[in-house]
PDB file of N, CA and C in Angstrom:
ATOM      1  N   MET A   1      -5.419 -13.973  -9.756  1.00  0.00           N
ATOM      2  CA  MET A   1      -5.920 -13.589  -8.454  1.00  0.00           C
ATOM      3  C   MET A   1      -7.380 -13.182  -8.618  1.00  0.00           C
ATOM      4  N   GLU A   2      -8.195 -13.672  -7.745  1.00  0.00           N
ATOM      5  CA  GLU A   2      -9.618 -13.385  -7.797  1.00  0.00           C
ATOM      6  C   GLU A   2     -10.012 -12.456  -6.661  1.00  0.00           C
ATOM      7  N   VAL A   3     -10.920 -11.538  -6.963  1.00  0.00           N
ATOM      8  CA  VAL A   3     -11.427 -10.625  -5.942  1.00  0.00           C
ATOM      9  C   VAL A   3     -12.454 -11.392  -5.107  1.00  0.00           C
ATOM     10  N   PRO A   4     -12.277 -11.401  -3.798  1.00  0.00           N
ATOM     11  CA  PRO A   4     -13.227 -12.120  -2.946  1.00  0.00           C
ATOM     12  C   PRO A   4     -14.627 -11.518  -3.053  1.00  0.00           C
ATOM     13  N   GLU A   5     -15.617 -12.378  -3.002  1.00  0.00           N
ATOM     14  CA  GLU A   5     -16.994 -11.910  -3.030  1.00  0.00           C
ATOM     15  C   GLU A   5     -17.243 -11.005  -1.835  1.00  0.00           C
ATOM     16  N   GLY A   6     -17.892  -9.892  -2.068  1.00  0.00           N
ATOM     17  CA  GLY A   6     -18.195  -8.946  -1.003  1.00  0.00           C
ATOM     18  C   GLY A   6     -17.107  -7.912  -0.757  1.00  0.00           C
ATOM     19  N   ALA A   7     -16.000  -7.977  -1.513  1.00  0.00           N
ATOM     20  CA  ALA A   7     -14.929  -6.980  -1.347  1.00  0.00           C
ATOM     21  C   ALA A   7     -15.436  -5.616  -1.799  1.00  0.00           C
ATOM     22  N   THR A   8     -15.134  -4.616  -1.011  1.00  0.00           N
ATOM     23  CA  THR A   8     -15.551  -3.249  -1.343  1.00  0.00           C
ATOM     24  C   THR A   8     -14.401  -2.509  -2.024  1.00  0.00           C
ATOM     25  N   MET A   9     -14.707  -1.356  -2.584  1.00  0.00           N
ATOM     26  CA  MET A   9     -13.658  -0.530  -3.180  1.00  0.00           C
ATOM     27  C   MET A   9     -12.625  -0.153  -2.110  1.00  0.00           C
ATOM     28  N   HIS A  10     -13.081   0.068  -0.889  1.00  0.00           N
ATOM     29  CA  HIS A  10     -12.162   0.397   0.197  1.00  0.00           C
ATOM     30  C   HIS A  10     -11.211  -0.770   0.465  1.00  0.00           C
ATOM     31  N   ASP A  11     -11.738  -1.993   0.442  1.00  0.00           N
ATOM     32  CA  ASP A  11     -10.902  -3.182   0.625  1.00  0.00           C
ATOM     33  C   ASP A  11      -9.831  -3.258  -0.451  1.00  0.00           C
ATOM     34  N   LEU A  12     -10.219  -3.006  -1.692  1.00  0.00           N
ATOM     35  CA  LEU A  12      -9.276  -3.056  -2.807  1.00  0.00           C
ATOM     36  C   LEU A  12      -8.219  -1.963  -2.698  1.00  0.00           C
ATOM     37  N   ARG A  13      -8.635  -0.791  -2.275  1.00  0.00           N
ATOM     38  CA  ARG A  13      -7.702   0.329  -2.095  1.00  0.00           C
ATOM     39  C   ARG A  13      -6.672  -0.013  -1.014  1.00  0.00           C
ATOM     40  N   HIS A  14      -7.142  -0.594   0.080  1.00  0.00           N
ATOM     41  CA  HIS A  14      -6.245  -0.976   1.169  1.00  0.00           C
ATOM     42  C   HIS A  14      -5.279  -2.074   0.704  1.00  0.00           C
ATOM     43  N   PHE A  15      -5.793  -3.035  -0.048  1.00  0.00           N
ATOM     44  CA  PHE A  15      -4.955  -4.109  -0.573  1.00  0.00           C
ATOM     45  C   PHE A  15      -3.878  -3.543  -1.495  1.00  0.00           C
ATOM     46  N   TYR A  16      -4.258  -2.631  -2.380  1.00  0.00           N
ATOM     47  CA  TYR A  16      -3.330  -1.994  -3.314  1.00  0.00           C
ATOM     48  C   TYR A  16      -2.208  -1.281  -2.560  1.00  0.00           C
ATOM     49  N   ALA A  17      -2.576  -0.476  -1.577  1.00  0.00           N
ATOM     50  CA  ALA A  17      -1.577   0.266  -0.809  1.00  0.00           C
ATOM     51  C   ALA A  17      -0.661  -0.689  -0.040  1.00  0.00           C
ATOM     52  N   SER A  18      -1.235  -1.705   0.567  1.00  0.00           N
ATOM     53  CA  SER A  18      -0.442  -2.672   1.318  1.00  0.00           C
ATOM     54  C   SER A  18       0.531  -3.417   0.413  1.00  0.00           C
ATOM     55  N   LEU A  19       0.071  -3.749  -0.792  1.00  0.00           N
ATOM     56  CA  LEU A  19       0.919  -4.443  -1.756  1.00  0.00           C
ATOM     57  C   LEU A  19       2.100  -3.568  -2.180  1.00  0.00           C
ATOM     58  N   LEU A  20       1.837  -2.291  -2.434  1.00  0.00           N
ATOM     59  CA  LEU A  20       2.920  -1.372  -2.795  1.00  0.00           C
ATOM     60  C   LEU A  20       3.958  -1.285  -1.679  1.00  0.00           C
ATOM     61  N   ILE A  21       3.489  -1.122  -0.452  1.00  0.00           N
ATOM     62  CA  ILE A  21       4.404  -1.012   0.686  1.00  0.00           C
ATOM     63  C   ILE A  21       5.173  -2.319   0.869  1.00  0.00           C
ATOM     64  N   HIS A  22       4.483  -3.425   0.751  1.00  0.00           N
ATOM     65  CA  HIS A  22       5.113  -4.745   0.884  1.00  0.00           C
ATOM     66  C   HIS A  22       6.258  -4.920  -0.113  1.00  0.00           C
ATOM     67  N   HIS A  23       6.091  -4.361  -1.295  1.00  0.00           N
ATOM     68  CA  HIS A  23       7.115  -4.490  -2.334  1.00  0.00           C
ATOM     69  C   HIS A  23       8.116  -3.336  -2.323  1.00  0.00           C
ATOM     70  N   GLY A  24       8.095  -2.519  -1.271  1.00  0.00           N
ATOM     71  CA  GLY A  24       9.137  -1.533  -1.060  1.00  0.00           C
ATOM     72  C   GLY A  24       8.908  -0.154  -1.629  1.00  0.00           C
ATOM     73  N   GLU A  25       7.693   0.142  -2.071  1.00  0.00           N
ATOM     74  CA  GLU A  25       7.432   1.481  -2.593  1.00  0.00           C
ATOM     75  C   GLU A  25       7.504   2.492  -1.455  1.00  0.00           C
ATOM     76  N   SER A  26       7.913   3.704  -1.761  1.00  0.00           N
ATOM     77  CA  SER A  26       8.043   4.730  -0.722  1.00  0.00           C
ATOM     78  C   SER A  26       6.668   5.202  -0.250  1.00  0.00           C
ATOM     79  N   ILE A  27       6.619   5.628   0.995  1.00  0.00           N
ATOM     80  CA  ILE A  27       5.376   6.146   1.565  1.00  0.00           C
ATOM     81  C   ILE A  27       4.896   7.354   0.766  1.00  0.00           C
ATOM     82  N   LYS A  28       5.813   8.173   0.306  1.00  0.00           N
ATOM     83  CA  LYS A  28       5.440   9.365  -0.472  1.00  0.00           C
ATOM     84  C   LYS A  28       4.705   8.973  -1.752  1.00  0.00           C
ATOM     85  N   VAL A  29       5.176   7.949  -2.445  1.00  0.00           N
ATOM     86  CA  VAL A  29       4.513   7.494  -3.673  1.00  0.00           C
ATOM     87  C   VAL A  29       3.129   6.918  -3.341  1.00  0.00           C
ATOM     88  N   VAL A  30       3.052   6.122  -2.282  1.00  0.00           N
ATOM     89  CA  VAL A  30       1.763   5.553  -1.877  1.00  0.00           C
ATOM     90  C   VAL A  30       0.801   6.680  -1.493  1.00  0.00           C
ATOM     91  N   GLN A  31       1.292   7.645  -0.766  1.00  0.00           N
ATOM     92  CA  GLN A  31       0.470   8.795  -0.365  1.00  0.00           C
ATOM     93  C   GLN A  31      -0.088   9.525  -1.577  1.00  0.00           C
ATOM     94  N   ARG A  32       0.741   9.753  -2.574  1.00  0.00           N
ATOM     95  CA  ARG A  32       0.271  10.428  -3.793  1.00  0.00           C
ATOM     96  C   ARG A  32      -0.754   9.580  -4.538  1.00  0.00           C
ATOM     97  N   ASN A  33      -0.494   8.274  -4.641  1.00  0.00           N
ATOM     98  CA  ASN A  33      -1.426   7.392  -5.352  1.00  0.00           C
ATOM     99  C   ASN A  33      -2.794   7.332  -4.679  1.00  0.00           C
ATOM    100  N   LEU A  34      -2.798   7.361  -3.346  1.00  0.00           N
ATOM    101  CA  LEU A  34      -4.055   7.306  -2.604  1.00  0.00           C
ATOM    102  C   LEU A  34      -4.688   8.691  -2.434  1.00  0.00           C
ATOM    103  N   ARG A  35      -3.933   9.713  -2.805  1.00  0.00           N
ATOM    104  CA  ARG A  35      -4.380  11.106  -2.679  1.00  0.00           C
ATOM    105  C   ARG A  35      -4.655  11.515  -1.227  1.00  0.00           C
ATOM    106  N   HIS A  36      -3.821  10.979  -0.316  1.00  0.00           N
ATOM    107  CA  HIS A  36      -3.878  11.457   1.062  1.00  0.00           C
ATOM    108  C   HIS A  36      -3.278  12.862   1.089  1.00  0.00           C
ATOM    109  N   ALA A  37      -3.808  13.714   1.941  1.00  0.00           N
ATOM    110  CA  ALA A  37      -3.333  15.095   2.023  1.00  0.00           C
ATOM    111  C   ALA A  37      -1.873  15.174   2.472  1.00  0.00           C
ATOM    112  N   LYS A  38      -1.489  14.269   3.382  1.00  0.00           N
ATOM    113  CA  LYS A  38      -0.127  14.288   3.925  1.00  0.00           C
ATOM    114  C   LYS A  38       0.399  12.865   4.050  1.00  0.00           C
ATOM    115  N   PRO A  39       1.710  12.683   3.933  1.00  0.00           N
ATOM    116  CA  PRO A  39       2.279  11.352   4.137  1.00  0.00           C
ATOM    117  C   PRO A  39       1.993  10.796   5.533  1.00  0.00           C
ATOM    118  N   SER A  40       1.818  11.672   6.505  1.00  0.00           N
ATOM    119  CA  SER A  40       1.555  11.203   7.873  1.00  0.00           C
ATOM    120  C   SER A  40       0.235  10.433   7.956  1.00  0.00           C
ATOM    121  N   ILE A  41      -0.730  10.770   7.124  1.00  0.00           N
ATOM    122  CA  ILE A  41      -1.997  10.032   7.094  1.00  0.00           C
ATOM    123  C   ILE A  41      -1.731   8.611   6.622  1.00  0.00           C
ATOM    124  N   THR A  42      -0.954   8.482   5.555  1.00  0.00           N
ATOM    125  CA  THR A  42      -0.610   7.165   5.014  1.00  0.00           C
ATOM    126  C   THR A  42       0.145   6.352   6.062  1.00  0.00           C
ATOM    127  N   LEU A  43       1.094   6.984   6.729  1.00  0.00           N
ATOM    128  CA  LEU A  43       1.864   6.291   7.769  1.00  0.00           C
ATOM    129  C   LEU A  43       0.974   5.846   8.924  1.00  0.00           C
ATOM    130  N   ASP A  44       0.029   6.688   9.312  1.00  0.00           N
ATOM    131  CA  ASP A  44      -0.881   6.323  10.409  1.00  0.00           C
ATOM    132  C   ASP A  44      -1.707   5.090  10.053  1.00  0.00           C
ATOM    133  N   VAL A  45      -2.210   5.050   8.823  1.00  0.00           N
ATOM    134  CA  VAL A  45      -3.081   3.948   8.404  1.00  0.00           C
ATOM    135  C   VAL A  45      -2.293   2.673   8.149  1.00  0.00           C
ATOM    136  N   TYR A  46      -1.101   2.815   7.544  1.00  0.00           N
ATOM    137  CA  TYR A  46      -0.353   1.635   7.101  1.00  0.00           C
ATOM    138  C   TYR A  46       0.914   1.382   7.906  1.00  0.00           C
ATOM    139  N   SER A  47       0.967   1.884   9.133  1.00  0.00           N
ATOM    140  CA  SER A  47       2.182   1.727   9.938  1.00  0.00           C
ATOM    141  C   SER A  47       2.502   0.259  10.213  1.00  0.00           C
ATOM    142  N   THR A  48       1.499  -0.588  10.381  1.00  0.00           N
ATOM    143  CA  THR A  48       1.787  -2.006  10.608  1.00  0.00           C
ATOM    144  C   THR A  48       2.432  -2.626   9.380  1.00  0.00           C
ATOM    145  N   CYS A  49       2.029  -2.166   8.217  1.00  0.00           N
ATOM    146  CA  CYS A  49       2.642  -2.657   6.972  1.00  0.00           C
ATOM    147  C   CYS A  49       4.103  -2.244   6.891  1.00  0.00           C
ATOM    148  N   THR A  50       4.392  -1.012   7.218  1.00  0.00           N
ATOM    149  CA  THR A  50       5.763  -0.535   7.085  1.00  0.00           C
ATOM    150  C   THR A  50       6.686  -1.235   8.066  1.00  0.00           C
ATOM    151  N   HIS A  51       6.175  -1.627   9.238  1.00  0.00           N
ATOM    152  CA  HIS A  51       7.016  -2.327  10.219  1.00  0.00           C
ATOM    153  C   HIS A  51       7.278  -3.766   9.799  1.00  0.00           C
ATOM    154  N   THR A  52       6.270  -4.429   9.262  1.00  0.00           N
ATOM    155  CA  THR A  52       6.441  -5.832   8.900  1.00  0.00           C
ATOM    156  C   THR A  52       7.077  -5.998   7.530  1.00  0.00           C
ATOM    157  N   CYS A  53       7.025  -4.974   6.705  1.00  0.00           N
ATOM    158  CA  CYS A  53       7.540  -5.088   5.333  1.00  0.00           C
ATOM    159  C   CYS A  53       8.840  -4.318   5.127  1.00  0.00           C
ATOM    160  N   GLY A  54       9.388  -3.765   6.180  1.00  0.00           N
ATOM    161  CA  GLY A  54      10.548  -2.908   6.042  1.00  0.00           C
ATOM    162  C   GLY A  54      11.792  -3.562   5.473  1.00  0.00           C
ATOM    163  N   THR A  55      11.881  -4.872   5.549  1.00  0.00           N
ATOM    164  CA  THR A  55      13.086  -5.532   5.065  1.00  0.00           C
ATOM    165  C   THR A  55      12.917  -6.131   3.677  1.00  0.00           C
ATOM    166  N   ARG A  56      11.798  -5.901   3.053  1.00  0.00           N
ATOM    167  CA  ARG A  56      11.537  -6.460   1.719  1.00  0.00           C
ATOM    168  C   ARG A  56      12.356  -5.738   0.661  1.00  0.00           C
ATOM    169  N   ARG A  57      12.685  -6.471  -0.396  1.00  0.00           N
ATOM    170  CA  ARG A  57      13.345  -5.853  -1.543  1.00  0.00           C
ATOM    171  C   ARG A  57      12.316  -5.120  -2.362  1.00  0.00           C
ATOM    172  N   ARG A  58      12.743  -4.043  -2.997  1.00  0.00           N
ATOM    173  CA  ARG A  58      11.820  -3.271  -3.815  1.00  0.00           C
ATOM    174  C   ARG A  58      11.599  -3.983  -5.149  1.00  0.00           C
ATOM    175  N   THR A  59      10.333  -4.210  -5.491  1.00  0.00           N
ATOM    176  CA  THR A  59       9.949  -4.780  -6.778  1.00  0.00           C
ATOM    177  C   THR A  59       9.233  -3.684  -7.535  1.00  0.00           C
ATOM    178  N   PRO A  60       9.661  -3.365  -8.739  1.00  0.00           N
ATOM    179  CA  PRO A  60       8.997  -2.297  -9.504  1.00  0.00           C
ATOM    180  C   PRO A  60       7.503  -2.564  -9.636  1.00  0.00           C
ATOM    181  N   PRO A  61       6.666  -1.522  -9.420  1.00  0.00           N
ATOM    182  CA  PRO A  61       5.216  -1.695  -9.482  1.00  0.00           C
ATOM    183  C   PRO A  61       4.721  -2.276 -10.813  1.00  0.00           C
ATOM    184  N   GLU A  62       5.414  -2.007 -11.903  1.00  0.00           N
ATOM    185  CA  GLU A  62       4.942  -2.519 -13.192  1.00  0.00           C
ATOM    186  C   GLU A  62       5.010  -4.039 -13.265  1.00  0.00           C
ATOM    187  N   THR A  63       5.727  -4.680 -12.339  1.00  0.00           N
ATOM    188  CA  THR A  63       5.796  -6.139 -12.342  1.00  0.00           C
ATOM    189  C   THR A  63       4.758  -6.765 -11.433  1.00  0.00           C
ATOM    190  N   LEU A  64       4.004  -5.958 -10.717  1.00  0.00           N
ATOM    191  CA  LEU A  64       3.008  -6.490  -9.771  1.00  0.00           C
ATOM    192  C   LEU A  64       1.760  -6.924 -10.498  1.00  0.00           C
TER     193      LEU A  64
END
């Protein structure tokens, strides 16, 4: 996988969080990894991910 030209650190952070959610990681784990103060912040930002990815099987992060 190649990083698109012009991608910012924020873009990569968003991609990382979206990938974790897509593969079934809990919001609490994503919140801790991103260092959001509260899980509600993570849910507010990534709510579209949680709705579209809610039926995915969990894949351990070490395999990503």
